[in-house]
Amino acid sequence: MATNANYLTTKDTAMGLTEYLPAQQTACHRPIGFYRRALLLSCAAMVSMASAFAQTPAASAAAPVTTPQIEGKTIDGASFKLSSLKGKVVLVMFWSTGCAVCRDKMPELRNNYEGWAGKPFELVAVNTDTRMQDFMDYERIISRTVPLKQRFVQLWTGDGSYKDNVGKPVQLPAAFLVDKNGKVVERYVGRIPPEAWDRIADLL
């Protein structure tokens, strides 16, 4: 500790700090530097702990499924397995009746599905509505307005027979394109881009 006419100078070697305190401070008062050093030491300990946690490997996110498995009953009551479509190019889309973008996309999907008639292509729509009634009300309207040649496979995730290994989509619509070997080659989140149909043509 050094002294000049007006201040005492204290230096904390460990922290590399220099404090300037009034010379008239009596011994019964703890210097301000004492509290500041305590605070800094506490902060240093917290930083050290945070660093230790940061260096702990976090559980890695599950890798996206490359060979999707979906099975269940279609809305017509028929048994369905995605694996049975091996040898075809398949576009699988997750959607809900409460998703405006999903509903808006349906006419395009139906027209393109009809356009690929006779080709090794299949379209599978997986509905994620919480209530089956919402799904069936929508389908009741579709059955009166959409011709059979534009009707594709539809499943409901709430059915007791439904199961998959792809997990719940974080956003709707969500889709993936499966090649003839049953492998996912492209994924789409949100609107299916026009380029997807070019990709399908290439795979066919």
Protein backbone atom coordinates (compact mmCIF):
# COMPACT_ATOMS: atom_id res chain seq x y z
CA MET A 1 0.00 0.00 0.00
CA ALA A 2 1.38 3.42 -1.02
CA THR A 3 0.44 6.81 0.41
CA ASN A 4 0.33 10.35 -0.92
CA ALA A 5 -1.08 13.48 0.62
CA ASN A 6 -4.66 12.78 -0.24
CA TYR A 7 -5.05 9.10 -1.25
CA LEU A 8 -4.00 5.63 -0.31
CA THR A 9 -3.24 3.43 -3.33
CA THR A 10 -3.98 -0.29 -3.04
CA LYS A 11 -3.20 -2.83 -5.73
CA ASP A 12 -4.74 -6.25 -6.06
CA THR A 13 -2.11 -8.32 -7.82
CA ALA A 14 -4.47 -11.22 -8.49
CA MET A 15 -7.10 -9.09 -10.17
CA GLY A 16 -4.74 -6.52 -11.66
CA LEU A 17 -6.73 -3.70 -10.06
CA THR A 18 -5.59 -0.44 -8.54
CA GLU A 19 -7.86 1.39 -6.13
CA TYR A 20 -7.55 4.98 -5.01
CA LEU A 21 -9.02 5.54 -1.52
CA PRO A 22 -9.24 8.66 0.64
CA ALA A 23 -6.23 8.82 3.02
CA GLN A 24 -8.42 9.75 5.97
CA GLN A 25 -10.37 6.46 5.76
CA THR A 26 -10.14 4.81 9.17
CA ALA A 27 -9.14 1.20 9.74
CA CYS A 28 -12.64 0.28 10.94
CA HIS A 29 -14.09 0.91 7.48
CA ARG A 30 -13.64 -1.71 4.80
CA PRO A 31 -12.26 -0.13 1.59
CA ILE A 32 -14.54 0.13 -1.41
CA GLY A 33 -12.05 -2.04 -3.26
CA PHE A 34 -12.85 -4.89 -0.88
CA TYR A 35 -16.45 -5.01 -2.06
CA ARG A 36 -15.53 -4.45 -5.67
CA ARG A 37 -12.99 -7.28 -5.59
CA ALA A 38 -15.57 -9.56 -3.96
CA LEU A 39 -18.04 -8.74 -6.70
CA LEU A 40 -15.46 -9.33 -9.41
CA LEU A 41 -14.42 -12.64 -7.88
CA SER A 42 -18.07 -13.71 -7.79
CA CYS A 43 -18.50 -12.74 -11.44
CA ALA A 44 -15.33 -14.62 -12.36
CA ALA A 45 -16.68 -17.73 -10.65
CA MET A 46 -19.96 -17.45 -12.58
CA VAL A 47 -18.10 -17.03 -15.87
CA SER A 48 -16.01 -20.08 -15.05
CA MET A 49 -19.13 -22.13 -14.37
CA ALA A 50 -20.78 -20.92 -17.57
CA SER A 51 -17.67 -21.85 -19.51
CA ALA A 52 -17.71 -25.33 -18.01
CA PHE A 53 -21.33 -25.80 -19.03
CA ALA A 54 -20.60 -24.48 -22.50
CA GLN A 55 -17.85 -27.05 -22.93
CA THR A 56 -20.18 -29.90 -21.95
CA PRO A 57 -21.34 -31.56 -25.17
CA ALA A 58 -25.04 -30.94 -25.68
CA ALA A 59 -27.28 -33.69 -26.89
CA SER A 60 -27.22 -33.48 -30.65
CA ALA A 61 -30.50 -33.02 -32.48
CA ALA A 62 -31.85 -36.13 -34.10
CA ALA A 63 -30.80 -36.41 -37.71
CA PRO A 64 -33.64 -36.14 -40.25
CA VAL A 65 -35.05 -39.48 -41.29
CA THR A 66 -33.82 -40.57 -44.72
CA THR A 67 -36.09 -43.61 -45.07
CA PRO A 68 -39.54 -42.48 -43.91
CA GLN A 69 -42.09 -44.97 -42.65
CA ILE A 70 -45.76 -44.05 -42.59
CA GLU A 71 -48.68 -46.38 -42.16
CA GLY A 72 -52.30 -46.29 -41.13
CA LYS A 73 -55.80 -46.16 -42.56
CA THR A 74 -56.79 -43.84 -45.37
CA ILE A 75 -59.96 -41.78 -45.01
CA ASP A 76 -61.61 -44.46 -47.16
CA GLY A 77 -60.70 -47.11 -44.58
CA ALA A 78 -58.02 -48.82 -46.67
CA SER A 79 -54.75 -49.96 -45.10
CA PHE A 80 -51.75 -47.94 -46.20
CA LYS A 81 -47.98 -48.31 -45.97
CA LEU A 82 -45.59 -45.85 -47.54
CA SER A 83 -43.14 -48.69 -48.11
CA SER A 84 -45.67 -50.30 -50.47
CA LEU A 85 -45.07 -47.42 -52.90
CA LYS A 86 -41.42 -48.32 -53.45
CA GLY A 87 -40.71 -48.02 -57.16
CA LYS A 88 -42.70 -44.78 -57.33
CA VAL A 89 -41.76 -41.17 -56.69
CA VAL A 90 -43.84 -39.98 -53.73
CA LEU A 91 -44.60 -36.50 -52.47
CA VAL A 92 -45.73 -36.58 -48.83
CA MET A 93 -47.30 -33.45 -47.40
CA PHE A 94 -48.37 -32.74 -43.80
CA TRP A 95 -51.21 -30.25 -43.55
CA SER A 96 -54.27 -29.18 -41.55
CA THR A 97 -57.63 -27.66 -42.42
CA GLY A 98 -56.76 -24.70 -40.19
CA CYS A 99 -53.70 -23.88 -42.32
CA ALA A 100 -54.67 -21.32 -44.96
CA VAL A 101 -51.50 -21.91 -46.99
CA CYS A 102 -52.23 -25.64 -47.00
CA ARG A 103 -55.78 -25.17 -48.29
CA ASP A 104 -54.58 -22.68 -50.88
CA LYS A 105 -52.06 -25.23 -52.18
CA MET A 106 -54.54 -28.06 -52.63
CA PRO A 107 -55.89 -27.12 -56.10
CA GLU A 108 -52.33 -27.02 -57.47
CA LEU A 109 -51.57 -30.39 -55.92
CA ARG A 110 -54.71 -31.92 -57.36
CA ASN A 111 -54.05 -30.56 -60.85
CA ASN A 112 -50.47 -31.80 -60.85
CA TYR A 113 -51.52 -35.15 -59.46
CA GLU A 114 -53.94 -35.52 -62.35
CA GLY A 115 -51.21 -34.41 -64.75
CA TRP A 116 -48.92 -37.24 -63.59
CA ALA A 117 -51.64 -39.87 -64.08
CA GLY A 118 -50.14 -43.00 -65.62
CA LYS A 119 -46.68 -42.16 -64.28
CA PRO A 120 -44.97 -43.87 -61.31
CA PHE A 121 -45.94 -41.02 -59.01
CA GLU A 122 -48.06 -40.84 -55.86
CA LEU A 123 -49.19 -38.01 -53.63
CA VAL A 124 -49.84 -38.68 -49.96
CA ALA A 125 -51.45 -36.04 -47.74
CA VAL A 126 -51.24 -36.49 -43.97
CA ASN A 127 -53.75 -34.41 -42.04
CA THR A 128 -52.73 -33.25 -38.55
CA ASP A 129 -56.05 -31.80 -37.32
CA THR A 130 -56.72 -32.33 -33.63
CA ARG A 131 -60.38 -33.12 -34.29
CA MET A 132 -61.33 -35.67 -36.91
CA GLN A 133 -64.62 -33.81 -37.43
CA ASP A 134 -62.76 -30.81 -38.86
CA PHE A 135 -60.98 -33.07 -41.33
CA MET A 136 -64.14 -34.94 -42.34
CA ASP A 137 -66.15 -31.72 -42.78
CA TYR A 138 -63.50 -30.49 -45.19
CA GLU A 139 -63.42 -33.81 -47.04
CA ARG A 140 -67.20 -33.82 -47.31
CA ILE A 141 -67.00 -30.58 -49.28
CA ILE A 142 -64.13 -31.88 -51.41
CA SER A 143 -66.02 -35.07 -52.27
CA ARG A 144 -68.76 -32.94 -53.84
CA THR A 145 -66.49 -30.61 -55.80
CA VAL A 146 -63.33 -32.51 -56.75
CA PRO A 147 -63.37 -35.27 -59.39
CA LEU A 148 -62.09 -38.73 -58.45
CA LYS A 149 -59.12 -38.43 -60.80
CA GLN A 150 -57.82 -35.62 -58.59
CA ARG A 151 -58.26 -37.52 -55.31
CA PHE A 152 -55.07 -38.77 -53.71
CA VAL A 153 -54.21 -40.76 -50.58
CA GLN A 154 -55.26 -39.04 -47.36
CA LEU A 155 -54.44 -40.10 -43.80
CA TRP A 156 -55.23 -38.60 -40.40
CA THR A 157 -52.56 -38.61 -37.69
CA GLY A 158 -55.20 -38.94 -34.97
CA ASP A 159 -56.31 -42.36 -36.16
CA GLY A 160 -55.33 -45.21 -33.82
CA SER A 161 -53.68 -47.11 -36.66
CA TYR A 162 -51.50 -44.21 -37.75
CA LYS A 163 -47.78 -44.21 -37.02
CA ASP A 164 -44.65 -42.77 -38.56
CA ASN A 165 -40.96 -42.26 -37.84
CA VAL A 166 -40.69 -38.70 -39.14
CA GLY A 167 -42.00 -36.81 -36.10
CA LYS A 168 -44.36 -33.88 -35.83
CA PRO A 169 -43.62 -31.04 -38.27
CA VAL A 170 -42.75 -27.71 -36.66
CA GLN A 171 -44.52 -25.77 -39.40
CA LEU A 172 -47.29 -26.46 -41.89
CA PRO A 173 -47.35 -27.24 -44.66
CA ALA A 174 -44.32 -29.51 -44.52
CA ALA A 175 -43.42 -31.99 -47.22
CA PHE A 176 -40.72 -34.31 -48.41
CA LEU A 177 -40.01 -35.98 -51.73
CA VAL A 178 -39.22 -39.68 -51.79
CA ASP A 179 -37.43 -41.32 -54.71
CA LYS A 180 -38.17 -44.75 -56.17
CA ASN A 181 -35.84 -46.36 -53.63
CA GLY A 182 -37.83 -44.99 -50.71
CA LYS A 183 -35.24 -42.36 -49.78
CA VAL A 184 -35.93 -38.71 -49.01
CA VAL A 185 -34.26 -36.52 -51.62
CA GLU A 186 -35.78 -33.13 -50.81
CA ARG A 187 -37.66 -31.43 -47.96
CA TYR A 188 -39.97 -28.44 -48.11
CA VAL A 189 -41.19 -26.22 -45.29
CA GLY A 190 -43.99 -23.84 -46.15
CA ARG A 191 -45.28 -23.62 -49.70
CA ILE A 192 -44.05 -26.36 -52.01
CA PRO A 193 -41.96 -24.49 -54.59
CA PRO A 194 -42.64 -24.82 -58.34
CA GLU A 195 -39.16 -26.35 -58.70
CA ALA A 196 -40.43 -29.40 -56.83
CA TRP A 197 -42.40 -30.50 -59.87
CA ASP A 198 -39.29 -30.23 -62.04
CA ARG A 199 -37.49 -32.41 -59.51
CA ILE A 200 -40.30 -34.96 -59.67
CA ALA A 201 -40.04 -35.01 -63.46
CA ASP A 202 -36.30 -35.69 -63.17
CA LEU A 203 -36.86 -38.56 -60.75
CA LEU A 204 -39.53 -40.15 -62.94
